[in-house]
Amino acid sequence: RNKRYPPEAQSRREQGVVRLFFSLDRKGMVIASRVATSSGSTSLDQEAMALVRRAQPFPAPPPDLAGAHVDLTVPIRFNLR
């Protein structure tokens, strides 16, 4: 529900998958994020970064995961229908 298709990418019919790396603190807040693999479109990459900021707070990591933070890499797919 937080994902938006950038209008400029939509008008250029750009599609792709952004692999986004981010770290969550123990409260589910993003403490770091970066594009791990680009989609090839700056607009789509920027939207993936904005998406992770809009989506917080994430559910808190389970207590059985050790450490002060949890690192994730997720694919974010942008497809036109």
PDB file of N, CA and C in Angstrom:
ATOM      1  N   ARG A   1       0.804  -1.207   0.000  1.00  0.00           N
ATOM      2  CA  ARG A   1       0.000   0.000   0.000  1.00  0.00           C
ATOM      3  C   ARG A   1       0.841   1.263   0.000  1.00  0.00           C
ATOM      4  N   ASN A   2       2.113   1.131   0.331  1.00  0.00           N
ATOM      5  CA  ASN A   2       3.004   2.294   0.345  1.00  0.00           C
ATOM      6  C   ASN A   2       3.752   2.495  -0.960  1.00  0.00           C
ATOM      7  N   LYS A   3       3.654   1.527  -1.872  1.00  0.00           N
ATOM      8  CA  LYS A   3       4.393   1.616  -3.136  1.00  0.00           C
ATOM      9  C   LYS A   3       3.623   2.474  -4.130  1.00  0.00           C
ATOM     10  N   ARG A   4       4.360   3.364  -4.783  1.00  0.00           N
ATOM     11  CA  ARG A   4       3.787   4.244  -5.808  1.00  0.00           C
ATOM     12  C   ARG A   4       4.637   4.120  -7.070  1.00  0.00           C
ATOM     13  N   TYR A   5       3.992   4.179  -8.199  1.00  0.00           N
ATOM     14  CA  TYR A   5       4.737   4.141  -9.461  1.00  0.00           C
ATOM     15  C   TYR A   5       5.053   5.581  -9.838  1.00  0.00           C
ATOM     16  N   PRO A   6       6.316   5.948  -9.953  1.00  0.00           N
ATOM     17  CA  PRO A   6       6.653   7.334 -10.301  1.00  0.00           C
ATOM     18  C   PRO A   6       6.053   7.710 -11.664  1.00  0.00           C
ATOM     19  N   PRO A   7       5.344   8.828 -11.731  1.00  0.00           N
ATOM     20  CA  PRO A   7       4.700   9.227 -12.996  1.00  0.00           C
ATOM     21  C   PRO A   7       5.675   9.333 -14.167  1.00  0.00           C
ATOM     22  N   GLU A   8       6.902   9.847 -13.914  1.00  0.00           N
ATOM     23  CA  GLU A   8       7.864   9.990 -15.006  1.00  0.00           C
ATOM     24  C   GLU A   8       8.319   8.627 -15.516  1.00  0.00           C
ATOM     25  N   ALA A   9       8.462   7.657 -14.624  1.00  0.00           N
ATOM     26  CA  ALA A   9       8.829   6.303 -15.044  1.00  0.00           C
ATOM     27  C   ALA A   9       7.666   5.646 -15.787  1.00  0.00           C
ATOM     28  N   GLN A  10       6.473   5.909 -15.323  1.00  0.00           N
ATOM     29  CA  GLN A  10       5.285   5.350 -15.970  1.00  0.00           C
ATOM     30  C   GLN A  10       5.137   5.902 -17.386  1.00  0.00           C
ATOM     31  N   SER A  11       5.352   7.202 -17.548  1.00  0.00           N
ATOM     32  CA  SER A  11       5.203   7.800 -18.880  1.00  0.00           C
ATOM     33  C   SER A  11       6.275   7.292 -19.849  1.00  0.00           C
ATOM     34  N   ARG A  12       7.450   6.919 -19.316  1.00  0.00           N
ATOM     35  CA  ARG A  12       8.515   6.368 -20.159  1.00  0.00           C
ATOM     36  C   ARG A  12       8.434   4.844 -20.262  1.00  0.00           C
ATOM     37  N   ARG A  13       7.395   4.260 -19.647  1.00  0.00           N
ATOM     38  CA  ARG A  13       7.150   2.806 -19.659  1.00  0.00           C
ATOM     39  C   ARG A  13       8.318   2.027 -19.056  1.00  0.00           C
ATOM     40  N   GLU A  14       8.953   2.612 -18.036  1.00  0.00           N
ATOM     41  CA  GLU A  14      10.070   1.954 -17.368  1.00  0.00           C
ATOM     42  C   GLU A  14       9.560   0.910 -16.387  1.00  0.00           C
ATOM     43  N   GLN A  15      10.203  -0.233 -16.374  1.00  0.00           N
ATOM     44  CA  GLN A  15       9.892  -1.315 -15.461  1.00  0.00           C
ATOM     45  C   GLN A  15      11.203  -1.860 -14.923  1.00  0.00           C
ATOM     46  N   GLY A  16      11.131  -2.589 -13.824  1.00  0.00           N
ATOM     47  CA  GLY A  16      12.344  -3.205 -13.306  1.00  0.00           C
ATOM     48  C   GLY A  16      12.199  -3.643 -11.869  1.00  0.00           C
ATOM     49  N   VAL A  17      13.285  -4.213 -11.367  1.00  0.00           N
ATOM     50  CA  VAL A  17      13.344  -4.683  -9.984  1.00  0.00           C
ATOM     51  C   VAL A  17      14.512  -3.994  -9.296  1.00  0.00           C
ATOM     52  N   VAL A  18      14.218  -3.364  -8.176  1.00  0.00           N
ATOM     53  CA  VAL A  18      15.234  -2.740  -7.339  1.00  0.00           C
ATOM     54  C   VAL A  18      15.481  -3.684  -6.166  1.00  0.00           C
ATOM     55  N   ARG A  19      16.726  -4.054  -5.945  1.00  0.00           N
ATOM     56  CA  ARG A  19      17.056  -4.827  -4.738  1.00  0.00           C
ATOM     57  C   ARG A  19      17.526  -3.811  -3.707  1.00  0.00           C
ATOM     58  N   LEU A  20      16.742  -3.700  -2.628  1.00  0.00           N
ATOM     59  CA  LEU A  20      16.980  -2.679  -1.616  1.00  0.00           C
ATOM     60  C   LEU A  20      17.497  -3.313  -0.337  1.00  0.00           C
ATOM     61  N   PHE A  21      18.621  -2.808   0.152  1.00  0.00           N
ATOM     62  CA  PHE A  21      19.173  -3.237   1.439  1.00  0.00           C
ATOM     63  C   PHE A  21      18.753  -2.222   2.480  1.00  0.00           C
ATOM     64  N   PHE A  22      18.286  -2.700   3.642  1.00  0.00           N
ATOM     65  CA  PHE A  22      18.035  -1.791   4.746  1.00  0.00           C
ATOM     66  C   PHE A  22      18.217  -2.503   6.076  1.00  0.00           C
ATOM     67  N   SER A  23      18.499  -1.702   7.102  1.00  0.00           N
ATOM     68  CA  SER A  23      18.687  -2.191   8.464  1.00  0.00           C
ATOM     69  C   SER A  23      17.585  -1.632   9.344  1.00  0.00           C
ATOM     70  N   LEU A  24      17.050  -2.502  10.196  1.00  0.00           N
ATOM     71  CA  LEU A  24      16.023  -2.095  11.153  1.00  0.00           C
ATOM     72  C   LEU A  24      16.577  -2.164  12.566  1.00  0.00           C
ATOM     73  N   ASP A  25      16.200  -1.187  13.391  1.00  0.00           N
ATOM     74  CA  ASP A  25      16.559  -1.281  14.801  1.00  0.00           C
ATOM     75  C   ASP A  25      15.557  -2.202  15.509  1.00  0.00           C
ATOM     76  N   ARG A  26      15.700  -2.384  16.785  1.00  0.00           N
ATOM     77  CA  ARG A  26      14.849  -3.315  17.536  1.00  0.00           C
ATOM     78  C   ARG A  26      13.399  -2.840  17.635  1.00  0.00           C
ATOM     79  N   LYS A  27      13.132  -1.585  17.277  1.00  0.00           N
ATOM     80  CA  LYS A  27      11.765  -1.058  17.295  1.00  0.00           C
ATOM     81  C   LYS A  27      11.111  -1.086  15.911  1.00  0.00           C
ATOM     82  N   GLY A  28      11.842  -1.558  14.891  1.00  0.00           N
ATOM     83  CA  GLY A  28      11.300  -1.631  13.542  1.00  0.00           C
ATOM     84  C   GLY A  28      11.498  -0.371  12.720  1.00  0.00           C
ATOM     85  N   MET A  29      12.367   0.514  13.180  1.00  0.00           N
ATOM     86  CA  MET A  29      12.653   1.745  12.442  1.00  0.00           C
ATOM     87  C   MET A  29      13.874   1.540  11.554  1.00  0.00           C
ATOM     88  N   VAL A  30      13.834   2.126  10.358  1.00  0.00           N
ATOM     89  CA  VAL A  30      14.941   2.030   9.406  1.00  0.00           C
ATOM     90  C   VAL A  30      16.090   2.915   9.900  1.00  0.00           C
ATOM     91  N   ILE A  31      17.263   2.311  10.039  1.00  0.00           N
ATOM     92  CA  ILE A  31      18.431   3.077  10.477  1.00  0.00           C
ATOM     93  C   ILE A  31      19.427   3.290   9.339  1.00  0.00           C
ATOM     94  N   ALA A  32      19.291   2.511   8.261  1.00  0.00           N
ATOM     95  CA  ALA A  32      20.150   2.677   7.084  1.00  0.00           C
ATOM     96  C   ALA A  32      19.462   2.009   5.899  1.00  0.00           C
ATOM     97  N   SER A  33      19.666   2.566   4.717  1.00  0.00           N
ATOM     98  CA  SER A  33      19.124   1.943   3.506  1.00  0.00           C
ATOM     99  C   SER A  33      19.955   2.367   2.312  1.00  0.00           C
ATOM    100  N   ARG A  34      19.980   1.478   1.308  1.00  0.00           N
ATOM    101  CA  ARG A  34      20.688   1.789   0.060  1.00  0.00           C
ATOM    102  C   ARG A  34      20.193   0.840  -1.024  1.00  0.00           C
ATOM    103  N   VAL A  35      20.374   1.240  -2.255  1.00  0.00           N
ATOM    104  CA  VAL A  35      20.050   0.378  -3.389  1.00  0.00           C
ATOM    105  C   VAL A  35      21.189  -0.619  -3.534  1.00  0.00           C
ATOM    106  N   ALA A  36      20.880  -1.896  -3.384  1.00  0.00           N
ATOM    107  CA  ALA A  36      21.895  -2.944  -3.534  1.00  0.00           C
ATOM    108  C   ALA A  36      22.110  -3.253  -5.011  1.00  0.00           C
ATOM    109  N   THR A  37      21.008  -3.321  -5.773  1.00  0.00           N
ATOM    110  CA  THR A  37      21.070  -3.536  -7.218  1.00  0.00           C
ATOM    111  C   THR A  37      20.043  -2.626  -7.870  1.00  0.00           C
ATOM    112  N   SER A  38      20.487  -1.808  -8.792  1.00  0.00           N
ATOM    113  CA  SER A  38      19.616  -0.846  -9.465  1.00  0.00           C
ATOM    114  C   SER A  38      18.676  -1.535 -10.454  1.00  0.00           C
ATOM    115  N   SER A  39      17.540  -0.900 -10.657  1.00  0.00           N
ATOM    116  CA  SER A  39      16.589  -1.347 -11.670  1.00  0.00           C
ATOM    117  C   SER A  39      17.010  -0.876 -13.057  1.00  0.00           C
ATOM    118  N   GLY A  40      17.943   0.074 -13.092  1.00  0.00           N
ATOM    119  CA  GLY A  40      18.320   0.702 -14.346  1.00  0.00           C
ATOM    120  C   GLY A  40      17.585   2.012 -14.559  1.00  0.00           C
ATOM    121  N   SER A  41      16.663   2.334 -13.658  1.00  0.00           N
ATOM    122  CA  SER A  41      15.890   3.569 -13.738  1.00  0.00           C
ATOM    123  C   SER A  41      16.088   4.350 -12.443  1.00  0.00           C
ATOM    124  N   THR A  42      16.593   5.560 -12.552  1.00  0.00           N
ATOM    125  CA  THR A  42      16.786   6.404 -11.370  1.00  0.00           C
ATOM    126  C   THR A  42      15.466   6.648 -10.654  1.00  0.00           C
ATOM    127  N   SER A  43      14.403   6.882 -11.405  1.00  0.00           N
ATOM    128  CA  SER A  43      13.087   7.140 -10.801  1.00  0.00           C
ATOM    129  C   SER A  43      12.604   5.955  -9.969  1.00  0.00           C
ATOM    130  N   LEU A  44      12.760   4.750 -10.496  1.00  0.00           N
ATOM    131  CA  LEU A  44      12.319   3.558  -9.768  1.00  0.00           C
ATOM    132  C   LEU A  44      13.202   3.318  -8.542  1.00  0.00           C
ATOM    133  N   ASP A  45      14.495   3.532  -8.682  1.00  0.00           N
ATOM    134  CA  ASP A  45      15.404   3.367  -7.547  1.00  0.00           C
ATOM    135  C   ASP A  45      15.063   4.360  -6.431  1.00  0.00           C
ATOM    136  N   GLN A  46      14.806   5.603  -6.794  1.00  0.00           N
ATOM    137  CA  GLN A  46      14.461   6.620  -5.801  1.00  0.00           C
ATOM    138  C   GLN A  46      13.129   6.288  -5.117  1.00  0.00           C
ATOM    139  N   GLU A  47      12.178   5.786  -5.864  1.00  0.00           N
ATOM    140  CA  GLU A  47      10.892   5.414  -5.275  1.00  0.00           C
ATOM    141  C   GLU A  47      11.051   4.257  -4.302  1.00  0.00           C
ATOM    142  N   ALA A  48      11.912   3.301  -4.597  1.00  0.00           N
ATOM    143  CA  ALA A  48      12.147   2.190  -3.666  1.00  0.00           C
ATOM    144  C   ALA A  48      12.707   2.715  -2.342  1.00  0.00           C
ATOM    145  N   MET A  49      13.614   3.678  -2.410  1.00  0.00           N
ATOM    146  CA  MET A  49      14.166   4.276  -1.190  1.00  0.00           C
ATOM    147  C   MET A  49      13.083   5.027  -0.414  1.00  0.00           C
ATOM    148  N   ALA A  50      12.233   5.761  -1.132  1.00  0.00           N
ATOM    149  CA  ALA A  50      11.149   6.489  -0.471  1.00  0.00           C
ATOM    150  C   ALA A  50      10.132   5.528   0.140  1.00  0.00           C
ATOM    151  N   LEU A  51       9.888   4.430  -0.542  1.00  0.00           N
ATOM    152  CA  LEU A  51       8.934   3.424  -0.069  1.00  0.00           C
ATOM    153  C   LEU A  51       9.317   2.893   1.307  1.00  0.00           C
ATOM    154  N   VAL A  52      10.569   2.568   1.500  1.00  0.00           N
ATOM    155  CA  VAL A  52      10.987   1.999   2.782  1.00  0.00           C
ATOM    156  C   VAL A  52      10.848   3.032   3.906  1.00  0.00           C
ATOM    157  N   ARG A  53      11.026   4.305   3.600  1.00  0.00           N
ATOM    158  CA  ARG A  53      10.835   5.359   4.610  1.00  0.00           C
ATOM    159  C   ARG A  53       9.354   5.521   4.951  1.00  0.00           C
ATOM    160  N   ARG A  54       8.484   5.474   3.927  1.00  0.00           N
ATOM    161  CA  ARG A  54       7.040   5.613   4.170  1.00  0.00           C
ATOM    162  C   ARG A  54       6.461   4.433   4.935  1.00  0.00           C
ATOM    163  N   ALA A  55       7.028   3.258   4.741  1.00  0.00           N
ATOM    164  CA  ALA A  55       6.466   2.035   5.315  1.00  0.00           C
ATOM    165  C   ALA A  55       6.780   1.858   6.804  1.00  0.00           C
ATOM    166  N   GLN A  56       7.704   2.631   7.345  1.00  0.00           N
ATOM    167  CA  GLN A  56       8.033   2.449   8.749  1.00  0.00           C
ATOM    168  C   GLN A  56       6.979   3.046   9.666  1.00  0.00           C
ATOM    169  N   PRO A  57       6.839   2.523  10.854  1.00  0.00           N
ATOM    170  CA  PRO A  57       7.661   1.482  11.450  1.00  0.00           C
ATOM    171  C   PRO A  57       7.244   0.093  10.958  1.00  0.00           C
ATOM    172  N   PHE A  58       8.246  -0.754  10.769  1.00  0.00           N
ATOM    173  CA  PHE A  58       8.020  -2.156  10.441  1.00  0.00           C
ATOM    174  C   PHE A  58       7.745  -2.901  11.745  1.00  0.00           C
ATOM    175  N   PRO A  59       7.196  -4.104  11.654  1.00  0.00           N
ATOM    176  CA  PRO A  59       7.059  -4.882  12.891  1.00  0.00           C
ATOM    177  C   PRO A  59       8.439  -5.092  13.526  1.00  0.00           C
ATOM    178  N   ALA A  60       8.475  -5.043  14.834  1.00  0.00           N
ATOM    179  CA  ALA A  60       9.748  -5.247  15.538  1.00  0.00           C
ATOM    180  C   ALA A  60      10.285  -6.645  15.237  1.00  0.00           C
ATOM    181  N   PRO A  61      11.599  -6.754  15.063  1.00  0.00           N
ATOM    182  CA  PRO A  61      12.181  -8.079  14.833  1.00  0.00           C
ATOM    183  C   PRO A  61      11.906  -9.007  16.019  1.00  0.00           C
ATOM    184  N   PRO A  62      11.768 -10.303  15.757  1.00  0.00           N
ATOM    185  CA  PRO A  62      11.517 -11.226  16.861  1.00  0.00           C
ATOM    186  C   PRO A  62      12.687 -11.237  17.849  1.00  0.00           C
ATOM    187  N   PRO A  63      12.388 -11.456  19.113  1.00  0.00           N
ATOM    188  CA  PRO A  63      13.446 -11.422  20.134  1.00  0.00           C
ATOM    189  C   PRO A  63      14.517 -12.493  19.944  1.00  0.00           C
ATOM    190  N   ASP A  64      14.198 -13.586  19.248  1.00  0.00           N
ATOM    191  CA  ASP A  64      15.197 -14.635  19.069  1.00  0.00           C
ATOM    192  C   ASP A  64      16.258 -14.276  18.017  1.00  0.00           C
ATOM    193  N   LEU A  65      16.065 -13.177  17.278  1.00  0.00           N
ATOM    194  CA  LEU A  65      17.113 -12.681  16.375  1.00  0.00           C
ATOM    195  C   LEU A  65      18.046 -11.796  17.190  1.00  0.00           C
ATOM    196  N   ALA A  66      19.288 -12.215  17.305  1.00  0.00           N
ATOM    197  CA  ALA A  66      20.261 -11.494  18.120  1.00  0.00           C
ATOM    198  C   ALA A  66      20.741 -10.231  17.416  1.00  0.00           C
ATOM    199  N   GLY A  67      21.262  -9.319  18.203  1.00  0.00           N
ATOM    200  CA  GLY A  67      21.882  -8.114  17.660  1.00  0.00           C
ATOM    201  C   GLY A  67      21.035  -6.873  17.843  1.00  0.00           C
ATOM    202  N   ALA A  68      21.708  -5.728  17.689  1.00  0.00           N
ATOM    203  CA  ALA A  68      21.046  -4.438  17.865  1.00  0.00           C
ATOM    204  C   ALA A  68      20.210  -4.052  16.656  1.00  0.00           C
ATOM    205  N   HIS A  69      20.478  -4.708  15.515  1.00  0.00           N
ATOM    206  CA  HIS A  69      19.722  -4.395  14.308  1.00  0.00           C
ATOM    207  C   HIS A  69      19.605  -5.641  13.439  1.00  0.00           C
ATOM    208  N   VAL A  70      18.685  -5.571  12.480  1.00  0.00           N
ATOM    209  CA  VAL A  70      18.455  -6.667  11.539  1.00  0.00           C
ATOM    210  C   VAL A  70      18.658  -6.118  10.132  1.00  0.00           C
ATOM    211  N   ASP A  71      19.463  -6.803   9.327  1.00  0.00           N
ATOM    212  CA  ASP A  71      19.729  -6.394   7.951  1.00  0.00           C
ATOM    213  C   ASP A  71      18.878  -7.221   7.000  1.00  0.00           C
ATOM    214  N   LEU A  72      18.262  -6.551   6.041  1.00  0.00           N
ATOM    215  CA  LEU A  72      17.415  -7.201   5.046  1.00  0.00           C
ATOM    216  C   LEU A  72      17.769  -6.705   3.659  1.00  0.00           C
ATOM    217  N   THR A  73      17.646  -7.576   2.669  1.00  0.00           N
ATOM    218  CA  THR A  73      17.719  -7.188   1.264  1.00  0.00           C
ATOM    219  C   THR A  73      16.470  -7.737   0.601  1.00  0.00           C
ATOM    220  N   VAL A  74      15.664  -6.851   0.016  1.00  0.00           N
ATOM    221  CA  VAL A  74      14.388  -7.266  -0.566  1.00  0.00           C
ATOM    222  C   VAL A  74      14.267  -6.755  -2.004  1.00  0.00           C
ATOM    223  N   PRO A  75      13.632  -7.548  -2.862  1.00  0.00           N
ATOM    224  CA  PRO A  75      13.361  -7.068  -4.220  1.00  0.00           C
ATOM    225  C   PRO A  75      12.060  -6.262  -4.227  1.00  0.00           C
ATOM    226  N   ILE A  76      12.081  -5.158  -4.921  1.00  0.00           N
ATOM    227  CA  ILE A  76      10.874  -4.347  -5.111  1.00  0.00           C
ATOM    228  C   ILE A  76      10.647  -4.263  -6.609  1.00  0.00           C
ATOM    229  N   ARG A  77       9.557  -4.861  -7.039  1.00  0.00           N
ATOM    230  CA  ARG A  77       9.268  -5.005  -8.473  1.00  0.00           C
ATOM    231  C   ARG A  77       8.306  -3.904  -8.937  1.00  0.00           C
ATOM    232  N   PHE A  78       8.648  -3.278 -10.043  1.00  0.00           N
ATOM    233  CA  PHE A  78       7.798  -2.293 -10.687  1.00  0.00           C
ATOM    234  C   PHE A  78       7.418  -2.812 -12.066  1.00  0.00           C
ATOM    235  N   ASN A  79       6.163  -3.162 -12.250  1.00  0.00           N
ATOM    236  CA  ASN A  79       5.658  -3.664 -13.521  1.00  0.00           C
ATOM    237  C   ASN A  79       4.453  -2.840 -13.961  1.00  0.00           C
ATOM    238  N   LEU A  80       4.432  -2.498 -15.225  1.00  0.00           N
ATOM    239  CA  LEU A  80       3.245  -1.860 -15.799  1.00  0.00           C
ATOM    240  C   LEU A  80       2.293  -2.946 -16.271  1.00  0.00           C
ATOM    241  N   ARG A  81       1.029  -2.709 -16.120  1.00  0.00           N
ATOM    242  CA  ARG A  81       0.039  -3.727 -16.549  1.00  0.00           C
ATOM    243  C   ARG A  81      -0.578  -3.352 -17.856  1.00  0.00           C
TER     244      ARG A  81
END
